C-alpha atoms as a PDB file:
ATOM      1  CA  MET A   1     -23.820  34.910   5.318  1.00  0.00           C
ATOM      2  CA  SER A   2     -21.024  32.577   6.285  1.00  0.00           C
ATOM      3  CA  ILE A   3     -18.498  33.259   9.454  1.00  0.00           C
ATOM      4  CA  GLN A   4     -14.928  33.065   8.566  1.00  0.00           C
ATOM      5  CA  PHE A   5     -11.677  32.988  11.209  1.00  0.00           C
ATOM      6  CA  ASP A   6      -8.738  34.169  11.245  1.00  0.00           C
ATOM      7  CA  VAL A   7      -5.730  31.596  11.243  1.00  0.00           C
ATOM      8  CA  PRO A   8      -4.810  31.910  14.940  1.00  0.00           C
ATOM      9  CA  ILE A   9      -8.935  31.270  15.719  1.00  0.00           C
ATOM     10  CA  ARG A  10      -8.783  28.123  12.879  1.00  0.00           C
ATOM     11  CA  ASN A  11      -5.511  26.698  14.428  1.00  0.00           C
ATOM     12  CA  GLY A  12      -7.087  26.857  18.186  1.00  0.00           C
ATOM     13  CA  MET A  13     -10.259  25.061  17.049  1.00  0.00           C
ATOM     14  CA  LEU A  14      -8.184  22.520  15.820  1.00  0.00           C
ATOM     15  CA  ASP A  15      -5.507  21.825  19.119  1.00  0.00           C
ATOM     16  CA  VAL A  16      -8.496  21.765  21.000  1.00  0.00           C
ATOM     17  CA  PHE A  17      -9.677  18.610  18.701  1.00  0.00           C
ATOM     18  CA  GLU A  18      -6.182  16.832  19.792  1.00  0.00           C
ATOM     19  CA  ALA A  19      -6.835  18.217  23.252  1.00  0.00           C
ATOM     20  CA  LEU A  20     -10.452  16.806  23.802  1.00  0.00           C
ATOM     21  CA  LEU A  21      -9.507  13.611  23.234  1.00  0.00           C
ATOM     22  CA  GLY A  22      -6.216  13.732  25.006  1.00  0.00           C
ATOM     23  CA  PRO A  23      -2.990  11.181  25.477  1.00  0.00           C
ATOM     24  CA  ASN A  24      -3.133   8.010  24.136  1.00  0.00           C
ATOM     25  CA  PRO A  25      -6.562   8.150  22.433  1.00  0.00           C
ATOM     26  CA  ILE A  26      -7.522   4.925  20.660  1.00  0.00           C
ATOM     27  CA  LEU A  27      -7.950   4.828  16.944  1.00  0.00           C
ATOM     28  CA  LYS A  28      -9.907   1.934  15.812  1.00  0.00           C
ATOM     29  CA  ILE A  29     -10.012   0.649  12.105  1.00  0.00           C
ATOM     30  CA  PHE A  30     -13.785  -0.982  10.733  1.00  0.00           C
ATOM     31  CA  ASN A  31     -15.475  -2.062   8.233  1.00  0.00           C
ATOM     32  CA  GLY A  32     -19.060  -1.742   7.646  1.00  0.00           C
ATOM     33  CA  THR A  33     -21.040   1.385   7.362  1.00  0.00           C
ATOM     34  CA  LEU A  34     -20.254   4.603   9.275  1.00  0.00           C
ATOM     35  CA  PRO A  35     -23.296   5.495  12.014  1.00  0.00           C
ATOM     36  CA  MET A  36     -25.251   8.196  11.868  1.00  0.00           C
ATOM     37  CA  ASP A  37     -23.191   9.935  14.765  1.00  0.00           C
ATOM     38  CA  THR A  38     -19.925   9.011  17.944  1.00  0.00           C
ATOM     39  CA  THR A  39     -23.144   8.221  19.689  1.00  0.00           C
ATOM     40  CA  GLY A  40     -24.118   4.941  17.793  1.00  0.00           C
ATOM     41  CA  ALA A  41     -22.624   1.589  17.980  1.00  0.00           C
ATOM     42  CA  ASP A  42     -19.305   0.435  17.083  1.00  0.00           C
ATOM     43  CA  PRO A  43     -19.742  -0.479  12.649  1.00  0.00           C
ATOM     44  CA  GLY A  44     -18.836  -4.146  11.392  1.00  0.00           C
ATOM     45  CA  THR A  45     -15.684  -5.613  12.896  1.00  0.00           C
ATOM     46  CA  THR A  46     -13.119  -4.274  14.297  1.00  0.00           C
ATOM     47  CA  LEU A  47      -9.866  -4.563  11.833  1.00  0.00           C
ATOM     48  CA  SER A  48      -7.324  -2.315  13.626  1.00  0.00           C
ATOM     49  CA  THR A  49      -6.907  -1.350  17.258  1.00  0.00           C
ATOM     50  CA  ILE A  50      -3.790   1.343  17.720  1.00  0.00           C
ATOM     51  CA  ILE A  51      -3.219   2.876  21.335  1.00  0.00           C
ATOM     52  CA  LEU A  52      -1.454   6.505  19.953  1.00  0.00           C
ATOM     53  CA  PRO A  53       1.220   8.138  22.330  1.00  0.00           C
ATOM     54  CA  SER A  54       0.534  10.685  24.284  1.00  0.00           C
ATOM     55  CA  ASP A  55       1.676  13.667  21.873  1.00  0.00           C
ATOM     56  CA  TRP A  56      -0.290  12.278  18.385  1.00  0.00           C
ATOM     57  CA  MET A  57      -0.179  14.891  16.338  1.00  0.00           C
ATOM     58  CA  LEU A  58       1.602  18.248  15.552  1.00  0.00           C
ATOM     59  CA  ALA A  59       0.427  21.683  16.638  1.00  0.00           C
ATOM     60  CA  ALA A  60      -1.592  23.237  14.464  1.00  0.00           C
ATOM     61  CA  ALA A  61      -0.423  25.493  11.656  1.00  0.00           C
ATOM     62  CA  ASN A  62      -1.888  27.469   8.907  1.00  0.00           C
ATOM     63  CA  GLY A  63      -5.090  25.933   9.881  1.00  0.00           C
ATOM     64  CA  THR A  64      -4.269  22.398   9.536  1.00  0.00           C
ATOM     65  CA  LYS A  65      -3.665  19.973  11.890  1.00  0.00           C
ATOM     66  CA  LEU A  66      -1.315  16.617  10.838  1.00  0.00           C
ATOM     67  CA  MET A  67      -0.500  13.751  12.514  1.00  0.00           C
ATOM     68  CA  LEU A  68       2.577  13.099  14.119  1.00  0.00           C
ATOM     69  CA  GLY A  69       5.016  10.211  13.444  1.00  0.00           C
ATOM     70  CA  SER A  70       3.928   6.732  12.414  1.00  0.00           C
ATOM     71  CA  TRP A  71       0.328   5.288  12.865  1.00  0.00           C
ATOM     72  CA  GLU A  72       0.859   1.573  12.326  1.00  0.00           C
ATOM     73  CA  ASP A  73      -0.744  -1.625  14.016  1.00  0.00           C
ATOM     74  CA  GLN A  74       1.595  -4.303  14.068  1.00  0.00           C
ATOM     75  CA  ALA A  75      -0.659  -6.881  13.349  1.00  0.00           C
ATOM     76  CA  ALA A  76      -4.239  -6.380  12.711  1.00  0.00           C
ATOM     77  CA  ASP A  77      -7.136  -8.048  14.428  1.00  0.00           C
ATOM     78  CA  ASN A  78      -8.591  -9.420  12.015  1.00  0.00           C
ATOM     79  CA  ASP A  79      -9.455  -9.650   8.128  1.00  0.00           C
ATOM     80  CA  GLY A  80     -11.658  -6.960   5.946  1.00  0.00           C
ATOM     81  CA  THR A  81     -11.725  -4.010   4.296  1.00  0.00           C
ATOM     82  CA  ALA A  82     -11.585  -0.746   5.946  1.00  0.00           C
ATOM     83  CA  THR A  83     -14.290   1.493   5.258  1.00  0.00           C
ATOM     84  CA  CYS A  84     -14.378   3.911   8.541  1.00  0.00           C
ATOM     85  CA  TYR A  85     -12.353   4.668  11.800  1.00  0.00           C
ATOM     86  CA  ARG A  86     -13.034   6.063  15.241  1.00  0.00           C
ATOM     87  CA  PHE A  87     -10.902   8.044  17.607  1.00  0.00           C
ATOM     88  CA  TYR A  88     -12.132   7.236  21.196  1.00  0.00           C
ATOM     89  CA  THR A  89     -10.502   8.982  24.286  1.00  0.00           C
ATOM     90  CA  ALA A  90      -8.385   6.430  27.049  1.00  0.00           C
ATOM     91  CA  ALA A  91     -11.822   6.237  28.714  1.00  0.00           C
ATOM     92  CA  GLY A  92     -13.213   5.154  25.366  1.00  0.00           C
ATOM     93  CA  VAL A  93     -15.675   7.551  24.923  1.00  0.00           C
ATOM     94  CA  CYS A  94     -16.309   8.078  20.880  1.00  0.00           C
ATOM     95  CA  ARG A  95     -15.177  11.491  20.018  1.00  0.00           C
ATOM     96  CA  ALA A  96     -14.976  11.650  16.049  1.00  0.00           C
ATOM     97  CA  GLN A  97     -15.274   9.332  13.124  1.00  0.00           C
ATOM     98  CA  GLY A  98     -15.489   9.061   9.642  1.00  0.00           C
ATOM     99  CA  PRO A  99     -14.282   7.346   6.052  1.00  0.00           C
ATOM    100  CA  VAL A 100     -10.994   5.432   5.731  1.00  0.00           C
ATOM    101  CA  SER A 101      -9.565   5.883   1.764  1.00  0.00           C
ATOM    102  CA  LEU A 102      -6.175   4.950   0.331  1.00  0.00           C
ATOM    103  CA  THR A 103      -3.398   7.433   0.129  1.00  0.00           C
ATOM    104  CA  ASN A 104      -4.437  10.055  -1.887  1.00  0.00           C
ATOM    105  CA  GLY A 105      -8.079   8.623  -1.819  1.00  0.00           C
ATOM    106  CA  GLY A 106      -9.363  12.088  -0.500  1.00  0.00           C
ATOM    107  CA  SER A 107     -10.607  10.944   3.416  1.00  0.00           C
ATOM    108  CA  VAL A 108      -9.126  12.865   6.332  1.00  0.00           C
ATOM    109  CA  LEU A 109      -7.646   9.265   7.522  1.00  0.00           C
ATOM    110  CA  THR A 110      -5.931   7.773   4.866  1.00  0.00           C
ATOM    111  CA  VAL A 111      -4.162   3.538   4.733  1.00  0.00           C
ATOM    112  CA  ASP A 112      -1.609   1.882   3.014  1.00  0.00           C
ATOM    113  CA  ASP A 113      -4.074  -0.700   2.006  1.00  0.00           C
ATOM    114  CA  THR A 114      -7.660  -0.996   2.896  1.00  0.00           C
ATOM    115  CA  LEU A 115      -7.484  -5.028   2.923  1.00  0.00           C
ATOM    116  CA  PHE A 116      -6.617  -5.943   5.788  1.00  0.00           C
ATOM    117  CA  LYS A 117      -5.450  -9.541   7.239  1.00  0.00           C
ATOM    118  CA  ALA A 118      -5.239 -10.545  10.576  1.00  0.00           C
ATOM    119  CA  GLY A 119      -1.875 -10.468  12.216  1.00  0.00           C
ATOM    120  CA  LYS A 120      -0.076  -8.324   9.282  1.00  0.00           C
ATOM    121  CA  LEU A 121       1.219  -4.984  10.004  1.00  0.00           C
ATOM    122  CA  PHE A 122      -0.549  -2.017   8.089  1.00  0.00           C
ATOM    123  CA  ARG A 123       0.147   1.793   8.224  1.00  0.00           C
ATOM    124  CA  ILE A 124      -1.463   4.870   8.305  1.00  0.00           C
ATOM    125  CA  THR A 125      -0.105   6.932   5.387  1.00  0.00           C
ATOM    126  CA  ALA A 126      -1.826  10.750   6.227  1.00  0.00           C
ATOM    127  CA  PHE A 127      -4.598  12.250   9.079  1.00  0.00           C
ATOM    128  CA  ALA A 128      -4.596  15.560   8.578  1.00  0.00           C
ATOM    129  CA  LEU A 129      -7.973  18.273   9.822  1.00  0.00           C
ATOM    130  CA  THR A 130      -8.140  21.512   8.552  1.00  0.00           C
ATOM    131  CA  ALA A 131     -10.565  24.123   9.947  1.00  0.00           C
ATOM    132  CA  GLY A 132     -12.273  25.525   6.604  1.00  0.00           C
ATOM    133  CA  ASN A 133     -13.128  29.012   6.747  1.00  0.00           C
ATOM    134  CA  ARG A 134     -17.295  29.274   5.489  1.00  0.00           C
END
């Protein structure tokens, strides 16, 4: 039998995600294959590195936690096709990772264009976590 949580517990679990990454976490976008877990080496080439602000996510509500403000890189690091992302603490510890897709592509993190060009602007269009109840 599965466990079910009420909304306050689901919200609390999501808010812990932001707390454990802390202020000014680093978001990196890569090409290549997503590692099996967060302890694996970085995949492929770093296409972009974004240092997020101190307050970078909204408070969780109704079991969902959304990005706060706009997340963008004024000048991408390298050319390539974005396939995955990783979140690091300001001290460089990888705490979360996942696939990248275009807006409305079904990933937790979506971008305006998966084709990155060095020196060009790109935007994260959405980052939305949902605490399931299964």
